[in-house]
Amino acid sequence: MTENSILCRLDDIEDGGSQRFSAEIDGKPHPLLAVRTGDRVFAYINSCPHVGAPLDFIAGKFLNAEGTHIQCANHGALFAIENGKCVQGPCVGDALEPVSTLVNDGIVYLTR
């Protein structure tokens, strides 16, 4: 990943929704999940801290039914959108691995 790599256009993620991406970080491809809330995008490595499996059961669908938390499809753990901390489930106290983002002129960048 360069200093600022383009992840997507902001409109590629529905407001209040989520999406799956892949990006090169430190020379290796990584699966990512991204959640949009207004003009902000929160991104994480798509790997549950409990078992290391991807969190989405249906590609790109990461949120619980209420849209308030990221939910692991494997065991139902709930993670805060804003910081990736597990708030319910077998990995309480753990967190998703964050990936820094910046939104500028409708483009979502991964930053270092």
PDB file of N, CA and C in Angstrom:
ATOM      1  N   MET A   1       0.850  -1.170   0.000  1.00  0.00           N
ATOM      2  CA  MET A   1       0.000   0.000   0.000  1.00  0.00           C
ATOM      3  C   MET A   1       0.894   1.231   0.000  1.00  0.00           C
ATOM      4  N   THR A   2       0.590   2.144  -0.850  1.00  0.00           N
ATOM      5  CA  THR A   2       1.304   3.414  -0.827  1.00  0.00           C
ATOM      6  C   THR A   2       0.749   4.255   0.308  1.00  0.00           C
ATOM      7  N   GLU A   3       1.256   5.463   0.442  1.00  0.00           N
ATOM      8  CA  GLU A   3       0.822   6.299   1.547  1.00  0.00           C
ATOM      9  C   GLU A   3      -0.701   6.484   1.571  1.00  0.00           C
ATOM     10  N   ASN A   4      -1.304   6.755   0.435  1.00  0.00           N
ATOM     11  CA  ASN A   4      -2.763   6.844   0.317  1.00  0.00           C
ATOM     12  C   ASN A   4      -3.183   6.043  -0.905  1.00  0.00           C
ATOM     13  N   SER A   5      -3.811   4.907  -0.676  1.00  0.00           N
ATOM     14  CA  SER A   5      -4.288   4.064  -1.769  1.00  0.00           C
ATOM     15  C   SER A   5      -5.793   4.201  -1.872  1.00  0.00           C
ATOM     16  N   ILE A   6      -6.298   4.270  -3.091  1.00  0.00           N
ATOM     17  CA  ILE A   6      -7.743   4.360  -3.282  1.00  0.00           C
ATOM     18  C   ILE A   6      -8.375   3.009  -2.983  1.00  0.00           C
ATOM     19  N   LEU A   7      -9.387   3.003  -2.110  1.00  0.00           N
ATOM     20  CA  LEU A   7     -10.151   1.794  -1.824  1.00  0.00           C
ATOM     21  C   LEU A   7     -11.362   1.724  -2.746  1.00  0.00           C
ATOM     22  N   CYS A   8     -12.130   2.837  -2.821  1.00  0.00           N
ATOM     23  CA  CYS A   8     -13.354   2.855  -3.623  1.00  0.00           C
ATOM     24  C   CYS A   8     -13.900   4.280  -3.668  1.00  0.00           C
ATOM     25  N   ARG A   9     -15.010   4.436  -4.366  1.00  0.00           N
ATOM     26  CA  ARG A   9     -15.765   5.685  -4.289  1.00  0.00           C
ATOM     27  C   ARG A   9     -16.684   5.574  -3.080  1.00  0.00           C
ATOM     28  N   LEU A  10     -16.962   6.669  -2.432  1.00  0.00           N
ATOM     29  CA  LEU A  10     -17.855   6.660  -1.278  1.00  0.00           C
ATOM     30  C   LEU A  10     -19.203   6.053  -1.646  1.00  0.00           C
ATOM     31  N   ASP A  11     -19.695   6.353  -2.841  1.00  0.00           N
ATOM     32  CA  ASP A  11     -20.990   5.841  -3.291  1.00  0.00           C
ATOM     33  C   ASP A  11     -20.999   4.329  -3.527  1.00  0.00           C
ATOM     34  N   ASP A  12     -19.818   3.691  -3.533  1.00  0.00           N
ATOM     35  CA  ASP A  12     -19.764   2.235  -3.681  1.00  0.00           C
ATOM     36  C   ASP A  12     -20.252   1.507  -2.441  1.00  0.00           C
ATOM     37  N   ILE A  13     -20.352   2.249  -1.330  1.00  0.00           N
ATOM     38  CA  ILE A  13     -20.877   1.689  -0.082  1.00  0.00           C
ATOM     39  C   ILE A  13     -22.140   2.456   0.265  1.00  0.00           C
ATOM     40  N   GLU A  14     -23.238   1.767   0.364  1.00  0.00           N
ATOM     41  CA  GLU A  14     -24.503   2.418   0.719  1.00  0.00           C
ATOM     42  C   GLU A  14     -24.381   3.044   2.101  1.00  0.00           C
ATOM     43  N   ASP A  15     -24.919   4.249   2.273  1.00  0.00           N
ATOM     44  CA  ASP A  15     -24.900   4.884   3.590  1.00  0.00           C
ATOM     45  C   ASP A  15     -25.639   3.987   4.583  1.00  0.00           C
ATOM     46  N   GLY A  16     -24.983   3.656   5.678  1.00  0.00           N
ATOM     47  CA  GLY A  16     -25.548   2.733   6.657  1.00  0.00           C
ATOM     48  C   GLY A  16     -25.332   1.283   6.285  1.00  0.00           C
ATOM     49  N   GLY A  17     -24.525   1.041   5.256  1.00  0.00           N
ATOM     50  CA  GLY A  17     -24.276  -0.324   4.784  1.00  0.00           C
ATOM     51  C   GLY A  17     -22.815  -0.705   4.858  1.00  0.00           C
ATOM     52  N   SER A  18     -22.520  -1.869   4.311  1.00  0.00           N
ATOM     53  CA  SER A  18     -21.163  -2.400   4.357  1.00  0.00           C
ATOM     54  C   SER A  18     -20.801  -3.015   3.010  1.00  0.00           C
ATOM     55  N   GLN A  19     -19.512  -3.267   2.847  1.00  0.00           N
ATOM     56  CA  GLN A  19     -19.029  -3.854   1.603  1.00  0.00           C
ATOM     57  C   GLN A  19     -17.717  -4.588   1.858  1.00  0.00           C
ATOM     58  N   ARG A  20     -17.432  -5.568   1.014  1.00  0.00           N
ATOM     59  CA  ARG A  20     -16.189  -6.335   1.074  1.00  0.00           C
ATOM     60  C   ARG A  20     -15.226  -5.800   0.017  1.00  0.00           C
ATOM     61  N   PHE A  21     -13.947  -5.715   0.383  1.00  0.00           N
ATOM     62  CA  PHE A  21     -12.899  -5.277  -0.526  1.00  0.00           C
ATOM     63  C   PHE A  21     -11.660  -6.128  -0.314  1.00  0.00           C
ATOM     64  N   SER A  22     -10.715  -5.969  -1.205  1.00  0.00           N
ATOM     65  CA  SER A  22      -9.396  -6.568  -1.037  1.00  0.00           C
ATOM     66  C   SER A  22      -8.390  -5.459  -1.314  1.00  0.00           C
ATOM     67  N   ALA A  23      -7.344  -5.419  -0.512  1.00  0.00           N
ATOM     68  CA  ALA A  23      -6.327  -4.384  -0.702  1.00  0.00           C
ATOM     69  C   ALA A  23      -4.970  -4.930  -0.315  1.00  0.00           C
ATOM     70  N   GLU A  24      -3.957  -4.378  -0.949  1.00  0.00           N
ATOM     71  CA  GLU A  24      -2.595  -4.763  -0.605  1.00  0.00           C
ATOM     72  C   GLU A  24      -2.117  -3.890   0.546  1.00  0.00           C
ATOM     73  N   ILE A  25      -1.690  -4.554   1.614  1.00  0.00           N
ATOM     74  CA  ILE A  25      -1.178  -3.863   2.791  1.00  0.00           C
ATOM     75  C   ILE A  25       0.162  -4.492   3.131  1.00  0.00           C
ATOM     76  N   ASP A  26       1.180  -3.678   3.199  1.00  0.00           N
ATOM     77  CA  ASP A  26       2.544  -4.163   3.463  1.00  0.00           C
ATOM     78  C   ASP A  26       2.947  -5.277   2.509  1.00  0.00           C
ATOM     79  N   GLY A  27       2.566  -5.120   1.238  1.00  0.00           N
ATOM     80  CA  GLY A  27       2.984  -6.059   0.204  1.00  0.00           C
ATOM     81  C   GLY A  27       2.188  -7.341   0.118  1.00  0.00           C
ATOM     82  N   LYS A  28       1.137  -7.478   0.927  1.00  0.00           N
ATOM     83  CA  LYS A  28       0.321  -8.697   0.906  1.00  0.00           C
ATOM     84  C   LYS A  28      -1.150  -8.336   0.711  1.00  0.00           C
ATOM     85  N   PRO A  29      -1.882  -9.162  -0.057  1.00  0.00           N
ATOM     86  CA  PRO A  29      -3.323  -8.898  -0.205  1.00  0.00           C
ATOM     87  C   PRO A  29      -4.063  -9.268   1.087  1.00  0.00           C
ATOM     88  N   HIS A  30      -5.016  -8.429   1.448  1.00  0.00           N
ATOM     89  CA  HIS A  30      -5.824  -8.664   2.641  1.00  0.00           C
ATOM     90  C   HIS A  30      -7.298  -8.456   2.309  1.00  0.00           C
ATOM     91  N   PRO A  31      -8.175  -9.319   2.826  1.00  0.00           N
ATOM     92  CA  PRO A  31      -9.610  -9.072   2.688  1.00  0.00           C
ATOM     93  C   PRO A  31     -10.020  -8.006   3.699  1.00  0.00           C
ATOM     94  N   LEU A  32     -10.826  -7.063   3.251  1.00  0.00           N
ATOM     95  CA  LEU A  32     -11.271  -5.977   4.119  1.00  0.00           C
ATOM     96  C   LEU A  32     -12.785  -5.927   4.175  1.00  0.00           C
ATOM     97  N   LEU A  33     -13.287  -5.350   5.245  1.00  0.00           N
ATOM     98  CA  LEU A  33     -14.693  -4.983   5.322  1.00  0.00           C
ATOM     99  C   LEU A  33     -14.729  -3.494   5.587  1.00  0.00           C
ATOM    100  N   ALA A  34     -15.711  -2.822   5.015  1.00  0.00           N
ATOM    101  CA  ALA A  34     -15.858  -1.389   5.210  1.00  0.00           C
ATOM    102  C   ALA A  34     -17.311  -1.081   5.506  1.00  0.00           C
ATOM    103  N   VAL A  35     -17.525  -0.189   6.471  1.00  0.00           N
ATOM    104  CA  VAL A  35     -18.868   0.234   6.865  1.00  0.00           C
ATOM    105  C   VAL A  35     -18.944   1.745   6.705  1.00  0.00           C
ATOM    106  N   ARG A  36     -20.001   2.199   6.054  1.00  0.00           N
ATOM    107  CA  ARG A  36     -20.189   3.642   5.840  1.00  0.00           C
ATOM    108  C   ARG A  36     -21.253   4.176   6.774  1.00  0.00           C
ATOM    109  N   THR A  37     -20.922   5.283   7.435  1.00  0.00           N
ATOM    110  CA  THR A  37     -21.901   6.040   8.216  1.00  0.00           C
ATOM    111  C   THR A  37     -21.779   7.494   7.778  1.00  0.00           C
ATOM    112  N   GLY A  38     -22.684   7.921   6.927  1.00  0.00           N
ATOM    113  CA  GLY A  38     -22.621   9.274   6.379  1.00  0.00           C
ATOM    114  C   GLY A  38     -21.407   9.430   5.489  1.00  0.00           C
ATOM    115  N   ASP A  39     -20.554  10.397   5.813  1.00  0.00           N
ATOM    116  CA  ASP A  39     -19.344  10.646   5.036  1.00  0.00           C
ATOM    117  C   ASP A  39     -18.117   9.966   5.645  1.00  0.00           C
ATOM    118  N   ARG A  40     -18.327   9.090   6.611  1.00  0.00           N
ATOM    119  CA  ARG A  40     -17.211   8.381   7.248  1.00  0.00           C
ATOM    120  C   ARG A  40     -17.248   6.904   6.858  1.00  0.00           C
ATOM    121  N   VAL A  41     -16.065   6.331   6.711  1.00  0.00           N
ATOM    122  CA  VAL A  41     -15.940   4.907   6.395  1.00  0.00           C
ATOM    123  C   VAL A  41     -14.972   4.288   7.394  1.00  0.00           C
ATOM    124  N   PHE A  42     -15.422   3.201   8.024  1.00  0.00           N
ATOM    125  CA  PHE A  42     -14.606   2.451   8.970  1.00  0.00           C
ATOM    126  C   PHE A  42     -14.230   1.139   8.303  1.00  0.00           C
ATOM    127  N   ALA A  43     -12.930   0.842   8.261  1.00  0.00           N
ATOM    128  CA  ALA A  43     -12.466  -0.373   7.585  1.00  0.00           C
ATOM    129  C   ALA A  43     -11.666  -1.239   8.541  1.00  0.00           C
ATOM    130  N   TYR A  44     -11.784  -2.555   8.328  1.00  0.00           N
ATOM    131  CA  TYR A  44     -11.113  -3.543   9.162  1.00  0.00           C
ATOM    132  C   TYR A  44     -10.683  -4.720   8.303  1.00  0.00           C
ATOM    133  N   ILE A  45      -9.680  -5.450   8.771  1.00  0.00           N
ATOM    134  CA  ILE A  45      -9.329  -6.717   8.146  1.00  0.00           C
ATOM    135  C   ILE A  45     -10.519  -7.648   8.369  1.00  0.00           C
ATOM    136  N   ASN A  46     -10.956  -8.331   7.333  1.00  0.00           N
ATOM    137  CA  ASN A  46     -12.122  -9.215   7.410  1.00  0.00           C
ATOM    138  C   ASN A  46     -11.707 -10.561   8.013  1.00  0.00           C
ATOM    139  N   SER A  47     -11.480 -10.541   9.318  1.00  0.00           N
ATOM    140  CA  SER A  47     -11.064 -11.740  10.039  1.00  0.00           C
ATOM    141  C   SER A  47     -11.527 -11.630  11.483  1.00  0.00           C
ATOM    142  N   CYS A  48     -12.319 -12.585  11.924  1.00  0.00           N
ATOM    143  CA  CYS A  48     -12.825 -12.585  13.295  1.00  0.00           C
ATOM    144  C   CYS A  48     -11.674 -12.867  14.263  1.00  0.00           C
ATOM    145  N   PRO A  49     -11.534 -12.069  15.323  1.00  0.00           N
ATOM    146  CA  PRO A  49     -10.455 -12.318  16.274  1.00  0.00           C
ATOM    147  C   PRO A  49     -10.636 -13.620  17.057  1.00  0.00           C
ATOM    148  N   HIS A  50     -11.832 -14.185  17.030  1.00  0.00           N
ATOM    149  CA  HIS A  50     -12.101 -15.420  17.771  1.00  0.00           C
ATOM    150  C   HIS A  50     -11.558 -16.647  17.044  1.00  0.00           C
ATOM    151  N   VAL A  51     -11.849 -16.759  15.737  1.00  0.00           N
ATOM    152  CA  VAL A  51     -11.425 -17.954  14.991  1.00  0.00           C
ATOM    153  C   VAL A  51     -10.667 -17.644  13.704  1.00  0.00           C
ATOM    154  N   GLY A  52     -10.546 -16.377  13.345  1.00  0.00           N
ATOM    155  CA  GLY A  52      -9.805 -16.005  12.144  1.00  0.00           C
ATOM    156  C   GLY A  52     -10.561 -16.164  10.840  1.00  0.00           C
ATOM    157  N   ALA A  53     -11.826 -16.525  10.898  1.00  0.00           N
ATOM    158  CA  ALA A  53     -12.638 -16.712   9.690  1.00  0.00           C
ATOM    159  C   ALA A  53     -13.218 -15.367   9.228  1.00  0.00           C
ATOM    160  N   PRO A  54     -13.560 -15.259   7.937  1.00  0.00           N
ATOM    161  CA  PRO A  54     -14.226 -14.040   7.456  1.00  0.00           C
ATOM    162  C   PRO A  54     -15.541 -13.822   8.211  1.00  0.00           C
ATOM    163  N   LEU A  55     -15.923 -12.570   8.376  1.00  0.00           N
ATOM    164  CA  LEU A  55     -17.123 -12.250   9.146  1.00  0.00           C
ATOM    165  C   LEU A  55     -18.411 -12.303   8.346  1.00  0.00           C
ATOM    166  N   ASP A  56     -18.343 -12.189   7.031  1.00  0.00           N
ATOM    167  CA  ASP A  56     -19.572 -12.134   6.237  1.00  0.00           C
ATOM    168  C   ASP A  56     -19.998 -13.522   5.763  1.00  0.00           C
ATOM    169  N   PHE A  57     -21.277 -13.830   5.981  1.00  0.00           N
ATOM    170  CA  PHE A  57     -21.859 -15.076   5.474  1.00  0.00           C
ATOM    171  C   PHE A  57     -22.286 -14.872   4.028  1.00  0.00           C
ATOM    172  N   ILE A  58     -22.850 -13.707   3.752  1.00  0.00           N
ATOM    173  CA  ILE A  58     -23.199 -13.291   2.393  1.00  0.00           C
ATOM    174  C   ILE A  58     -22.199 -12.202   2.027  1.00  0.00           C
ATOM    175  N   ALA A  59     -21.543 -12.331   0.885  1.00  0.00           N
ATOM    176  CA  ALA A  59     -20.476 -11.409   0.499  1.00  0.00           C
ATOM    177  C   ALA A  59     -20.875  -9.947   0.676  1.00  0.00           C
ATOM    178  N   GLY A  60     -20.091  -9.226   1.464  1.00  0.00           N
ATOM    179  CA  GLY A  60     -20.300  -7.800   1.656  1.00  0.00           C
ATOM    180  C   GLY A  60     -21.333  -7.425   2.695  1.00  0.00           C
ATOM    181  N   LYS A  61     -21.986  -8.395   3.315  1.00  0.00           N
ATOM    182  CA  LYS A  61     -23.013  -8.117   4.330  1.00  0.00           C
ATOM    183  C   LYS A  61     -22.406  -8.389   5.702  1.00  0.00           C
ATOM    184  N   PHE A  62     -22.109  -7.322   6.427  1.00  0.00           N
ATOM    185  CA  PHE A  62     -21.409  -7.445   7.696  1.00  0.00           C
ATOM    186  C   PHE A  62     -22.194  -6.943   8.901  1.00  0.00           C
ATOM    187  N   LEU A  63     -23.325  -6.288   8.685  1.00  0.00           N
ATOM    188  CA  LEU A  63     -24.040  -5.650   9.784  1.00  0.00           C
ATOM    189  C   LEU A  63     -25.171  -6.514  10.317  1.00  0.00           C
ATOM    190  N   ASN A  64     -25.459  -6.325  11.605  1.00  0.00           N
ATOM    191  CA  ASN A  64     -26.612  -7.015  12.185  1.00  0.00           C
ATOM    192  C   ASN A  64     -27.891  -6.444  11.567  1.00  0.00           C
ATOM    193  N   ALA A  65     -29.019  -7.066  11.864  1.00  0.00           N
ATOM    194  CA  ALA A  65     -30.295  -6.683  11.240  1.00  0.00           C
ATOM    195  C   ALA A  65     -30.647  -5.217  11.501  1.00  0.00           C
ATOM    196  N   GLU A  66     -30.257  -4.693  12.654  1.00  0.00           N
ATOM    197  CA  GLU A  66     -30.556  -3.304  12.993  1.00  0.00           C
ATOM    198  C   GLU A  66     -29.566  -2.321  12.365  1.00  0.00           C
ATOM    199  N   GLY A  67     -28.461  -2.818  11.847  1.00  0.00           N
ATOM    200  CA  GLY A  67     -27.446  -1.960  11.246  1.00  0.00           C
ATOM    201  C   GLY A  67     -26.618  -1.195  12.263  1.00  0.00           C
ATOM    202  N   THR A  68     -26.627  -1.666  13.506  1.00  0.00           N
ATOM    203  CA  THR A  68     -25.939  -0.944  14.580  1.00  0.00           C
ATOM    204  C   THR A  68     -24.555  -1.501  14.903  1.00  0.00           C
ATOM    205  N   HIS A  69     -24.272  -2.731  14.481  1.00  0.00           N
ATOM    206  CA  HIS A  69     -23.002  -3.377  14.793  1.00  0.00           C
ATOM    207  C   HIS A  69     -22.543  -4.249  13.625  1.00  0.00           C
ATOM    208  N   ILE A  70     -21.247  -4.481  13.558  1.00  0.00           N
ATOM    209  CA  ILE A  70     -20.693  -5.487  12.664  1.00  0.00           C
ATOM    210  C   ILE A  70     -20.939  -6.828  13.351  1.00  0.00           C
ATOM    211  N   GLN A  71     -21.449  -7.810  12.590  1.00  0.00           N
ATOM    212  CA  GLN A  71     -21.774  -9.102  13.191  1.00  0.00           C
ATOM    213  C   GLN A  71     -21.008 -10.218  12.496  1.00  0.00           C
ATOM    214  N   CYS A  72     -20.415 -11.087  13.291  1.00  0.00           N
ATOM    215  CA  CYS A  72     -19.720 -12.250  12.748  1.00  0.00           C
ATOM    216  C   CYS A  72     -20.745 -13.313  12.378  1.00  0.00           C
ATOM    217  N   ALA A  73     -20.700 -13.754  11.136  1.00  0.00           N
ATOM    218  CA  ALA A  73     -21.648 -14.765  10.664  1.00  0.00           C
ATOM    219  C   ALA A  73     -21.369 -16.132  11.280  1.00  0.00           C
ATOM    220  N   ASN A  74     -20.169 -16.351  11.804  1.00  0.00           N
ATOM    221  CA  ASN A  74     -19.814 -17.667  12.335  1.00  0.00           C
ATOM    222  C   ASN A  74     -20.379 -17.943  13.715  1.00  0.00           C
ATOM    223  N   HIS A  75     -20.354 -16.947  14.601  1.00  0.00           N
ATOM    224  CA  HIS A  75     -20.856 -17.196  15.952  1.00  0.00           C
ATOM    225  C   HIS A  75     -21.638 -16.031  16.534  1.00  0.00           C
ATOM    226  N   GLY A  76     -21.978 -15.043  15.708  1.00  0.00           N
ATOM    227  CA  GLY A  76     -22.869 -13.967  16.126  1.00  0.00           C
ATOM    228  C   GLY A  76     -22.240 -12.865  16.956  1.00  0.00           C
ATOM    229  N   ALA A  77     -20.935 -12.865  17.145  1.00  0.00           N
ATOM    230  CA  ALA A  77     -20.297 -11.795  17.917  1.00  0.00           C
ATOM    231  C   ALA A  77     -20.625 -10.447  17.294  1.00  0.00           C
ATOM    232  N   LEU A  78     -20.769  -9.439  18.146  1.00  0.00           N
ATOM    233  CA  LEU A  78     -21.064  -8.079  17.689  1.00  0.00           C
ATOM    234  C   LEU A  78     -19.883  -7.174  17.979  1.00  0.00           C
ATOM    235  N   PHE A  79     -19.558  -6.331  17.000  1.00  0.00           N
ATOM    236  CA  PHE A  79     -18.436  -5.410  17.098  1.00  0.00           C
ATOM    237  C   PHE A  79     -18.921  -3.986  16.867  1.00  0.00           C
ATOM    238  N   ALA A  80     -18.391  -3.030  17.636  1.00  0.00           N
ATOM    239  CA  ALA A  80     -18.723  -1.622  17.445  1.00  0.00           C
ATOM    240  C   ALA A  80     -18.194  -1.167  16.087  1.00  0.00           C
ATOM    241  N   ILE A  81     -19.018  -0.463  15.348  1.00  0.00           N
ATOM    242  CA  ILE A  81     -18.625   0.017  14.016  1.00  0.00           C
ATOM    243  C   ILE A  81     -17.454   0.989  14.113  1.00  0.00           C
ATOM    244  N   GLU A  82     -17.485   1.895  15.070  1.00  0.00           N
ATOM    245  CA  GLU A  82     -16.508   2.981  15.151  1.00  0.00           C
ATOM    246  C   GLU A  82     -15.110   2.551  15.572  1.00  0.00           C
ATOM    247  N   ASN A  83     -14.977   1.441  16.332  1.00  0.00           N
ATOM    248  CA  ASN A  83     -13.646   1.052  16.798  1.00  0.00           C
ATOM    249  C   ASN A  83     -13.348  -0.445  16.685  1.00  0.00           C
ATOM    250  N   GLY A  84     -14.310  -1.238  16.232  1.00  0.00           N
ATOM    251  CA  GLY A  84     -14.094  -2.668  16.013  1.00  0.00           C
ATOM    252  C   GLY A  84     -14.044  -3.516  17.267  1.00  0.00           C
ATOM    253  N   LYS A  85     -14.322  -2.940  18.427  1.00  0.00           N
ATOM    254  CA  LYS A  85     -14.264  -3.710  19.676  1.00  0.00           C
ATOM    255  C   LYS A  85     -15.452  -4.652  19.779  1.00  0.00           C
ATOM    256  N   CYS A  86     -15.167  -5.884  20.205  1.00  0.00           N
ATOM    257  CA  CYS A  86     -16.225  -6.869  20.397  1.00  0.00           C
ATOM    258  C   CYS A  86     -16.994  -6.518  21.666  1.00  0.00           C
ATOM    259  N   VAL A  87     -18.313  -6.355  21.529  1.00  0.00           N
ATOM    260  CA  VAL A  87     -19.155  -5.973  22.663  1.00  0.00           C
ATOM    261  C   VAL A  87     -20.080  -7.105  23.100  1.00  0.00           C
ATOM    262  N   GLN A  88     -20.155  -8.172  22.288  1.00  0.00           N
ATOM    263  CA  GLN A  88     -20.992  -9.317  22.642  1.00  0.00           C
ATOM    264  C   GLN A  88     -20.493 -10.547  21.893  1.00  0.00           C
ATOM    265  N   GLY A  89     -20.426 -11.671  22.594  1.00  0.00           N
ATOM    266  CA  GLY A  89     -19.997 -12.912  21.973  1.00  0.00           C
ATOM    267  C   GLY A  89     -18.738 -13.466  22.612  1.00  0.00           C
ATOM    268  N   PRO A  90     -18.182 -14.532  22.037  1.00  0.00           N
ATOM    269  CA  PRO A  90     -17.057 -15.224  22.658  1.00  0.00           C
ATOM    270  C   PRO A  90     -15.735 -14.464  22.634  1.00  0.00           C
ATOM    271  N   CYS A  91     -15.670 -13.348  21.924  1.00  0.00           N
ATOM    272  CA  CYS A  91     -14.410 -12.603  21.854  1.00  0.00           C
ATOM    273  C   CYS A  91     -14.513 -11.221  22.487  1.00  0.00           C
ATOM    274  N   VAL A  92     -15.426 -11.060  23.474  1.00  0.00           N
ATOM    275  CA  VAL A  92     -15.573  -9.769  24.159  1.00  0.00           C
ATOM    276  C   VAL A  92     -14.207  -9.333  24.679  1.00  0.00           C
ATOM    277  N   GLY A  93     -13.900  -8.069  24.436  1.00  0.00           N
ATOM    278  CA  GLY A  93     -12.611  -7.529  24.858  1.00  0.00           C
ATOM    279  C   GLY A  93     -11.590  -7.519  23.730  1.00  0.00           C
ATOM    280  N   ASP A  94     -11.764  -8.376  22.726  1.00  0.00           N
ATOM    281  CA  ASP A  94     -10.901  -8.367  21.546  1.00  0.00           C
ATOM    282  C   ASP A  94     -11.442  -7.322  20.571  1.00  0.00           C
ATOM    283  N   ALA A  95     -10.737  -7.130  19.468  1.00  0.00           N
ATOM    284  CA  ALA A  95     -11.184  -6.150  18.478  1.00  0.00           C
ATOM    285  C   ALA A  95     -10.758  -6.579  17.088  1.00  0.00           C
ATOM    286  N   LEU A  96     -11.496  -6.097  16.105  1.00  0.00           N
ATOM    287  CA  LEU A  96     -11.103  -6.271  14.713  1.00  0.00           C
ATOM    288  C   LEU A  96      -9.853  -5.435  14.450  1.00  0.00           C
ATOM    289  N   GLU A  97      -9.047  -5.852  13.479  1.00  0.00           N
ATOM    290  CA  GLU A  97      -7.841  -5.098  13.137  1.00  0.00           C
ATOM    291  C   GLU A  97      -8.220  -3.935  12.235  1.00  0.00           C
ATOM    292  N   PRO A  98      -8.029  -2.700  12.710  1.00  0.00           N
ATOM    293  CA  PRO A  98      -8.455  -1.532  11.921  1.00  0.00           C
ATOM    294  C   PRO A  98      -7.522  -1.231  10.756  1.00  0.00           C
ATOM    295  N   VAL A  99      -8.094  -0.621   9.736  1.00  0.00           N
ATOM    296  CA  VAL A  99      -7.352  -0.103   8.596  1.00  0.00           C
ATOM    297  C   VAL A  99      -7.789   1.359   8.459  1.00  0.00           C
ATOM    298  N   SER A 100      -6.842   2.274   8.535  1.00  0.00           N
ATOM    299  CA  SER A 100      -7.166   3.707   8.509  1.00  0.00           C
ATOM    300  C   SER A 100      -7.708   4.128   7.149  1.00  0.00           C
ATOM    301  N   THR A 101      -8.724   4.990   7.189  1.00  0.00           N
ATOM    302  CA  THR A 101      -9.317   5.507   5.960  1.00  0.00           C
ATOM    303  C   THR A 101      -9.426   7.023   6.025  1.00  0.00           C
ATOM    304  N   LEU A 102      -9.546   7.596   4.850  1.00  0.00           N
ATOM    305  CA  LEU A 102      -9.763   9.031   4.692  1.00  0.00           C
ATOM    306  C   LEU A 102     -10.713   9.193   3.521  1.00  0.00           C
ATOM    307  N   VAL A 103     -11.738  10.014   3.692  1.00  0.00           N
ATOM    308  CA  VAL A 103     -12.665  10.304   2.597  1.00  0.00           C
ATOM    309  C   VAL A 103     -12.401  11.728   2.132  1.00  0.00           C
ATOM    310  N   ASN A 104     -12.143  11.869   0.827  1.00  0.00           N
ATOM    311  CA  ASN A 104     -11.851  13.181   0.253  1.00  0.00           C
ATOM    312  C   ASN A 104     -12.475  13.254  -1.137  1.00  0.00           C
ATOM    313  N   ASP A 105     -13.326  14.259  -1.348  1.00  0.00           N
ATOM    314  CA  ASP A 105     -13.984  14.457  -2.647  1.00  0.00           C
ATOM    315  C   ASP A 105     -14.684  13.203  -3.154  1.00  0.00           C
ATOM    316  N   GLY A 106     -15.340  12.470  -2.250  1.00  0.00           N
ATOM    317  CA  GLY A 106     -16.111  11.302  -2.645  1.00  0.00           C
ATOM    318  C   GLY A 106     -15.287  10.052  -2.911  1.00  0.00           C
ATOM    319  N   ILE A 107     -14.005  10.089  -2.577  1.00  0.00           N
ATOM    320  CA  ILE A 107     -13.128   8.924  -2.761  1.00  0.00           C
ATOM    321  C   ILE A 107     -12.683   8.455  -1.369  1.00  0.00           C
ATOM    322  N   VAL A 108     -12.705   7.132  -1.150  1.00  0.00           N
ATOM    323  CA  VAL A 108     -12.243   6.543   0.102  1.00  0.00           C
ATOM    324  C   VAL A 108     -10.809   6.064  -0.100  1.00  0.00           C
ATOM    325  N   TYR A 109      -9.909   6.565   0.711  1.00  0.00           N
ATOM    326  CA  TYR A 109      -8.499   6.200   0.653  1.00  0.00           C
ATOM    327  C   TYR A 109      -8.121   5.363   1.880  1.00  0.00           C
ATOM    328  N   LEU A 110      -7.237   4.408   1.696  1.00  0.00           N
ATOM    329  CA  LEU A 110      -6.586   3.737   2.811  1.00  0.00           C
ATOM    330  C   LEU A 110      -5.348   4.552   3.110  1.00  0.00           C
ATOM    331  N   THR A 111      -5.107   4.841   4.371  1.00  0.00           N
ATOM    332  CA  THR A 111      -3.986   5.687   4.761  1.00  0.00           C
ATOM    333  C   THR A 111      -3.079   4.951   5.738  1.00  0.00           C
ATOM    334  N   ARG A 112      -1.900   5.471   5.883  1.00  0.00           N
ATOM    335  CA  ARG A 112      -0.957   4.920   6.868  1.00  0.00           C
ATOM    336  C   ARG A 112      -0.779   5.902   7.977  1.00  0.00           C
TER     337      ARG A 112
END
